[in-house]
Protein backbone atom coordinates (compact mmCIF):
# COMPACT_ATOMS: atom_id res chain seq x y z
CA UNK A 1 45.18 161.38 218.44
CA UNK A 2 42.34 159.64 220.26
CA UNK A 3 42.03 160.39 223.90
CA UNK A 4 40.12 158.60 226.62
CA UNK A 5 37.21 160.73 227.84
CA UNK A 6 35.41 158.77 230.58
CA UNK A 7 31.64 158.82 230.21
CA UNK A 8 30.55 159.67 233.74
CA UNK A 9 33.20 162.29 234.37
CA UNK A 10 32.18 164.40 231.39
CA UNK A 11 28.56 164.11 232.48
CA UNK A 12 29.39 165.30 236.00
CA UNK A 13 30.84 168.53 234.70
CA UNK A 14 28.01 169.12 232.25
CA UNK A 15 25.44 168.57 234.99
CA UNK A 16 27.30 171.10 237.13
CA UNK A 17 27.11 173.68 234.41
CA UNK A 18 23.38 173.09 234.11
CA UNK A 19 22.45 173.46 237.78
CA UNK A 20 21.56 177.14 237.70
CA UNK A 21 18.12 178.20 238.86
CA UNK A 22 16.69 178.01 235.36
CA UNK A 23 17.21 174.20 235.47
CA UNK A 24 16.14 173.70 239.06
CA UNK A 25 12.49 173.40 238.05
CA UNK A 26 10.69 171.33 235.43
CA UNK A 27 11.52 172.45 231.89
CA UNK A 28 8.31 173.85 230.34
CA UNK A 29 9.96 175.47 227.32
CA UNK A 30 13.06 174.93 225.23
CA UNK A 31 16.40 176.01 226.74
CA UNK A 32 19.57 176.66 224.76
CA UNK A 33 23.15 177.08 225.91
CA UNK A 34 26.63 177.29 224.42
CA UNK A 35 30.04 177.13 226.03
CA UNK A 36 33.26 175.18 226.14
CA UNK A 37 35.13 172.61 228.25
CA UNK A 38 38.91 172.51 228.66
CA UNK A 39 40.36 169.36 230.13
CA UNK A 40 43.71 167.91 231.17
CA UNK A 41 43.93 164.26 232.01
CA UNK A 42 46.56 161.68 232.81
CA UNK A 43 45.94 158.81 230.43
CA UNK A 44 46.99 155.42 231.92
CA UNK A 45 48.64 154.02 228.78
CA UNK A 46 52.43 153.72 229.04
CA UNK A 47 54.40 156.73 227.70
CA UNK A 48 51.18 158.31 226.47
CA UNK A 49 51.52 161.93 225.36
CA UNK A 50 49.08 163.73 227.67
CA UNK A 51 47.79 167.03 226.31
CA UNK A 52 45.21 169.56 227.33
CA UNK A 53 42.11 169.53 225.11
CA UNK A 54 39.37 172.06 224.45
CA UNK A 55 35.92 171.13 223.20
CA UNK A 56 32.87 173.26 222.33
CA UNK A 57 29.74 172.66 224.39
CA UNK A 58 26.17 172.86 223.04
CA UNK A 59 23.15 172.40 225.23
CA UNK A 60 19.47 172.00 224.29
CA UNK A 61 16.69 170.85 226.58
CA UNK A 62 12.93 170.65 226.62
CA UNK A 63 10.37 168.46 228.39
CA UNK A 64 11.21 165.45 226.25
CA UNK A 65 14.90 165.52 225.32
CA UNK A 66 18.19 166.86 226.65
CA UNK A 67 21.33 167.24 224.57
CA UNK A 68 24.52 168.34 226.24
CA UNK A 69 28.07 167.89 224.96
CA UNK A 70 28.10 164.46 223.32
CA UNK A 71 25.09 163.05 225.19
CA UNK A 72 21.45 162.82 224.07
CA UNK A 73 18.81 161.83 226.61
CA UNK A 74 15.18 160.89 225.92
CA UNK A 75 13.28 161.62 229.12
CA UNK A 76 10.79 158.95 230.09
CA UNK A 77 10.16 160.50 233.50
CA UNK A 78 11.33 163.69 235.14
CA UNK A 79 10.37 165.28 238.46
CA UNK A 80 12.02 167.10 241.35
CA UNK A 81 12.73 163.79 243.13
CA UNK A 82 13.50 161.31 240.34
CA UNK A 83 14.18 160.91 236.65
CA UNK A 84 14.98 158.17 234.20
CA UNK A 85 15.22 157.71 230.45
CA UNK A 86 17.17 156.47 227.46
CA UNK A 87 20.67 157.69 226.59
CA UNK A 88 22.92 157.93 223.56
CA UNK A 89 26.54 159.13 223.93
CA UNK A 90 29.53 159.47 221.68
CA UNK A 91 32.84 158.70 223.37
CA UNK A 92 36.27 159.42 221.94
CA UNK A 93 37.95 156.59 223.77
CA UNK A 94 40.85 154.54 222.49
CA UNK A 95 44.22 155.23 220.93
CA UNK A 96 46.37 155.01 217.83
CA UNK A 97 49.72 153.26 217.75
CA UNK A 98 51.46 156.59 217.16
CA UNK A 99 50.12 157.98 220.46
CA UNK A 100 52.91 156.29 222.39
CA UNK A 101 56.19 154.49 221.54
CA UNK A 102 54.98 151.67 223.75
CA UNK A 103 51.86 151.19 221.59
CA UNK A 104 53.75 150.69 218.32
CA UNK A 105 52.50 147.58 216.58
CA UNK A 106 49.13 147.75 218.34
CA UNK A 107 45.96 147.96 216.28
CA UNK A 108 43.99 151.17 216.68
CA UNK A 109 41.24 151.16 219.31
CA UNK A 110 38.20 153.23 218.41
CA UNK A 111 35.58 155.13 220.33
CA UNK A 112 31.97 155.24 219.16
CA UNK A 113 28.34 155.55 220.10
CA UNK A 114 27.06 153.98 223.30
CA UNK A 115 23.40 153.39 224.13
CA UNK A 116 21.47 152.55 227.26
CA UNK A 117 19.59 154.15 230.10
CA UNK A 118 20.01 156.43 233.10
CA UNK A 119 18.26 157.18 236.37
CA UNK A 120 18.55 159.84 239.04
CA UNK A 121 17.12 160.25 242.53
CA UNK A 122 17.16 163.29 244.85
CA UNK A 123 17.09 162.44 248.53
CA UNK A 124 17.25 164.63 251.62
CA UNK A 125 20.97 163.94 251.99
CA UNK A 126 22.38 163.37 248.50
CA UNK A 127 21.74 162.96 244.77
CA UNK A 128 22.06 159.43 243.43
CA UNK A 129 22.54 158.46 239.78
CA UNK A 130 22.94 155.32 237.69
CA UNK A 131 23.85 154.68 234.07
CA UNK A 132 24.18 151.54 231.97
CA UNK A 133 25.60 151.78 228.44
CA UNK A 134 26.47 149.24 225.78
CA UNK A 135 28.67 149.71 222.75
CA UNK A 136 26.20 150.39 219.90
CA UNK A 137 29.03 150.89 217.37
CA UNK A 138 30.29 147.31 217.68
CA UNK A 139 33.88 148.29 218.34
CA UNK A 140 34.43 146.66 221.72
CA UNK A 141 31.03 145.04 222.16
CA UNK A 142 31.39 146.00 225.81
CA UNK A 143 29.11 147.21 228.53
CA UNK A 144 29.67 149.55 231.47
CA UNK A 145 27.59 150.31 234.52
CA UNK A 146 28.09 153.42 236.70
CA UNK A 147 26.65 154.52 240.03
CA UNK A 148 27.17 157.99 241.46
CA UNK A 149 26.56 159.90 244.67
CA UNK A 150 26.98 163.64 245.25
CA UNK A 151 25.98 166.33 247.70
CA UNK A 152 26.07 170.09 247.11
CA UNK A 153 26.80 172.93 249.50
CA UNK A 154 26.01 176.52 248.50
CA UNK A 155 27.88 179.63 249.61
CA UNK A 156 26.94 182.87 247.90
CA UNK A 157 27.42 182.46 244.15
CA UNK A 158 29.50 179.34 244.70
CA UNK A 159 28.32 175.73 244.94
CA UNK A 160 30.63 172.96 246.14
CA UNK A 161 29.81 169.38 245.18
CA UNK A 162 31.93 166.46 246.35
CA UNK A 163 31.06 163.25 244.54
CA UNK A 164 31.91 159.57 244.43
CA UNK A 165 31.18 157.04 241.69
CA UNK A 166 31.87 153.43 240.75
CA UNK A 167 32.28 152.18 237.19
CA UNK A 168 31.92 148.50 236.39
CA UNK A 169 33.54 147.58 233.07
CA UNK A 170 32.84 144.19 231.54
CA UNK A 171 35.50 141.88 230.10
CA UNK A 172 34.87 142.85 226.47
CA UNK A 173 35.39 146.53 227.28
CA UNK A 174 38.57 145.94 229.29
CA UNK A 175 40.01 143.51 226.74
CA UNK A 176 39.38 145.86 223.80
CA UNK A 177 40.91 148.98 225.36
CA UNK A 178 43.57 147.41 227.61
CA UNK A 179 44.16 143.92 226.26
CA UNK A 180 47.03 142.81 223.99
CA UNK A 181 46.17 140.32 221.23
CA UNK A 182 48.55 137.52 220.35
CA UNK A 183 49.55 139.23 217.08
CA UNK A 184 50.34 142.42 219.00
CA UNK A 185 52.62 140.80 221.61
CA UNK A 186 56.37 141.51 221.65
CA UNK A 187 59.26 140.68 223.93
CA UNK A 188 58.45 143.86 225.91
CA UNK A 189 54.66 143.55 225.67
CA UNK A 190 53.14 140.20 226.59
CA UNK A 191 49.75 139.06 225.31
CA UNK A 192 47.02 140.00 227.77
CA UNK A 193 43.34 139.07 228.00
CA UNK A 194 41.39 141.76 229.87
CA UNK A 195 38.61 140.76 232.30
CA UNK A 196 35.84 142.71 234.00
CA UNK A 197 36.90 145.19 236.64
CA UNK A 198 35.74 148.07 238.84
CA UNK A 199 37.05 151.67 238.77
CA UNK A 200 36.49 153.96 241.79
CA UNK A 201 36.29 157.71 241.27
CA UNK A 202 36.17 160.64 243.72
CA UNK A 203 36.06 164.31 242.90
CA UNK A 204 35.04 167.86 243.72
CA UNK A 205 33.10 170.17 241.44
CA UNK A 206 33.04 173.94 242.12
CA UNK A 207 30.34 175.90 240.30
CA UNK A 208 30.19 179.66 240.16
CA UNK A 209 27.28 181.75 238.84
CA UNK A 210 28.81 184.72 237.05
CA UNK A 211 25.35 185.99 236.16
CA UNK A 212 21.89 184.34 236.12
CA UNK A 213 22.72 183.13 232.56
CA UNK A 214 26.46 182.44 232.85
CA UNK A 215 28.11 179.64 234.81
CA UNK A 216 31.65 178.43 235.42
CA UNK A 217 32.49 174.94 236.65
CA UNK A 218 35.76 173.44 237.83
CA UNK A 219 35.97 169.67 238.23
CA UNK A 220 38.90 167.92 239.98
CA UNK A 221 38.83 164.14 240.19
CA UNK A 222 40.92 161.03 240.66
CA UNK A 223 40.07 157.51 239.56
CA UNK A 224 41.58 154.36 241.07
CA UNK A 225 41.86 151.95 238.15
CA UNK A 226 40.61 148.41 238.62
CA UNK A 227 43.06 145.52 238.97
CA UNK A 228 42.45 144.15 235.46
CA UNK A 229 43.39 147.52 233.97
CA UNK A 230 46.42 148.07 236.24
CA UNK A 231 47.77 144.65 235.34
CA UNK A 232 47.70 145.35 231.60
CA UNK A 233 51.19 145.50 230.04
CA UNK A 234 50.28 148.70 228.19
CA UNK A 235 49.35 150.55 231.41
CA UNK A 236 51.90 152.17 233.71
CA UNK A 237 49.84 153.83 236.43
CA UNK A 238 47.18 152.89 238.95
CA UNK A 239 45.34 156.21 239.06
CA UNK A 240 43.90 158.58 236.50
CA UNK A 241 43.70 162.24 237.53
CA UNK A 242 41.86 164.95 235.66
CA UNK A 243 41.10 168.66 235.70
CA UNK A 244 38.19 170.11 233.75
CA UNK A 245 37.05 173.69 233.41
CA UNK A 246 33.73 174.54 231.79
CA UNK A 247 31.78 177.65 230.81
CA UNK A 248 28.12 177.81 229.81
CA UNK A 249 25.95 180.70 228.60
CA UNK A 250 22.17 180.12 228.72
CA UNK A 251 19.85 181.90 226.28
């Protein structure tokens, strides 16, 4: 069963796991880490069988590249105040018709590899981030653009990080994952042409340093789906809530 794993949300948790003191300074040597992420998410498709999912987590970083989870970054610039580079990410988005009785007769929607760039800026009051990715696999042919803002507050071994992000999804993306083609339409499922839309996400990440080399991260978030997604005949909710728990051990 395919399961929608939003790009930015996975990245938020992985970044949280990486923000121990060993990553607070410029990377001058290779760093390795292993761990796992367990997630539970309410998928917006009608009658979709939501299940908890566990995934292994591998991290590798040096001065030039960073690989974490399903994301590979090529660093073009990295400093304490700003960073930007190129990004590749695999996303297991989409569905199969068997995932829900309401999706019977629909053609399978696939995930794939997405490519683009990212940027980050540390200010005196918050951390800002941006990401633009296009479908390099040719499944949807879509593009998405994300902007994020977060601020961290430390208390002992805990760090609390509220965050907010916006995700612009173009028409090709929305139509592929939430549209209904003419040959898929039924009396209970009208044909639907998806158009570009904007999702709004808010969340809280709680990081805990078990030891200098071990870190736990809990991520709670809710996403208000854009109008063009909510109006789809294969969607039955206006929000998408998720809980993610991660563990990382640094070598």
